[in-house]
Protein backbone atom coordinates (compact mmCIF):
# COMPACT_ATOMS: atom_id res chain seq x y z
CA UNK A 1 88.35 86.00 87.77
CA UNK A 2 89.54 86.42 84.08
CA UNK A 3 87.34 89.36 84.01
CA UNK A 4 89.27 90.80 86.87
CA UNK A 5 92.71 89.96 85.43
CA UNK A 6 91.31 91.41 81.79
CA UNK A 7 90.24 94.28 83.50
CA UNK A 8 93.99 95.01 85.27
CA UNK A 9 95.61 94.43 81.66
CA UNK A 10 93.12 97.04 79.95
CA UNK A 11 93.66 99.59 82.86
CA UNK A 12 89.73 99.57 83.74
CA UNK A 13 88.58 101.38 86.61
CA UNK A 14 86.65 98.57 88.50
CA UNK A 15 89.71 96.13 88.83
CA UNK A 16 92.20 98.75 89.94
CA UNK A 17 89.87 100.17 92.36
CA UNK A 18 89.24 96.77 93.90
CA UNK A 19 92.86 95.97 94.19
CA UNK A 20 93.72 99.46 95.77
CA UNK A 21 90.82 98.66 98.18
CA UNK A 22 92.37 95.56 99.07
CA UNK A 23 95.66 97.25 99.81
CA UNK A 24 93.93 99.82 102.04
CA UNK A 25 92.02 96.93 104.02
CA UNK A 26 95.36 95.01 104.19
CA UNK A 27 97.23 98.04 105.48
CA UNK A 28 94.52 98.96 108.11
CA UNK A 29 94.68 94.93 109.06
CA UNK A 30 98.64 95.29 109.45
CA UNK A 31 98.19 98.62 111.40
CA UNK A 32 95.63 96.89 114.22
CA UNK A 33 97.05 93.50 114.87
CA UNK A 34 99.29 92.98 117.71
CA UNK A 35 101.57 89.96 116.67
CA UNK A 36 104.00 90.91 114.07
CA UNK A 37 106.06 94.13 114.20
CA UNK A 38 107.20 93.99 110.79
CA UNK A 39 103.60 93.86 109.61
CA UNK A 40 103.07 97.11 111.77
CA UNK A 41 106.34 98.51 110.54
CA UNK A 42 104.98 98.47 107.03
CA UNK A 43 101.29 99.25 107.47
CA UNK A 44 101.59 102.89 106.78
CA UNK A 45 103.17 102.67 103.28
CA UNK A 46 100.78 99.93 102.31
CA UNK A 47 97.82 102.09 103.26
CA UNK A 48 99.54 105.13 101.62
CA UNK A 49 100.13 103.23 98.67
CA UNK A 50 96.52 101.96 98.26
CA UNK A 51 95.27 105.31 98.83
CA UNK A 52 97.32 107.01 96.35
CA UNK A 53 96.53 104.16 93.96
CA UNK A 54 92.71 104.69 94.37
CA UNK A 55 92.96 108.52 93.75
CA UNK A 56 95.02 107.69 90.43
CA UNK A 57 92.85 104.85 89.27
CA UNK A 58 89.58 106.66 89.71
CA UNK A 59 90.57 108.61 86.54
CA UNK A 60 90.65 105.42 84.48
CA UNK A 61 87.86 104.70 82.29
CA UNK A 62 85.01 102.28 83.24
């Protein structure tokens, strides 16, 4: 866990890509669930933020 936080603080690719992937997955889950309208409402923006974040952090150093 400390390696993950250390990677975030040092702007390393692995930790930030994992966070972006989690956001993309969360956004897709929010889109497909039928229970909470508020989650469905914000699903596109969460997926979009995760995708843009993944594109940006793929240029970070290893």
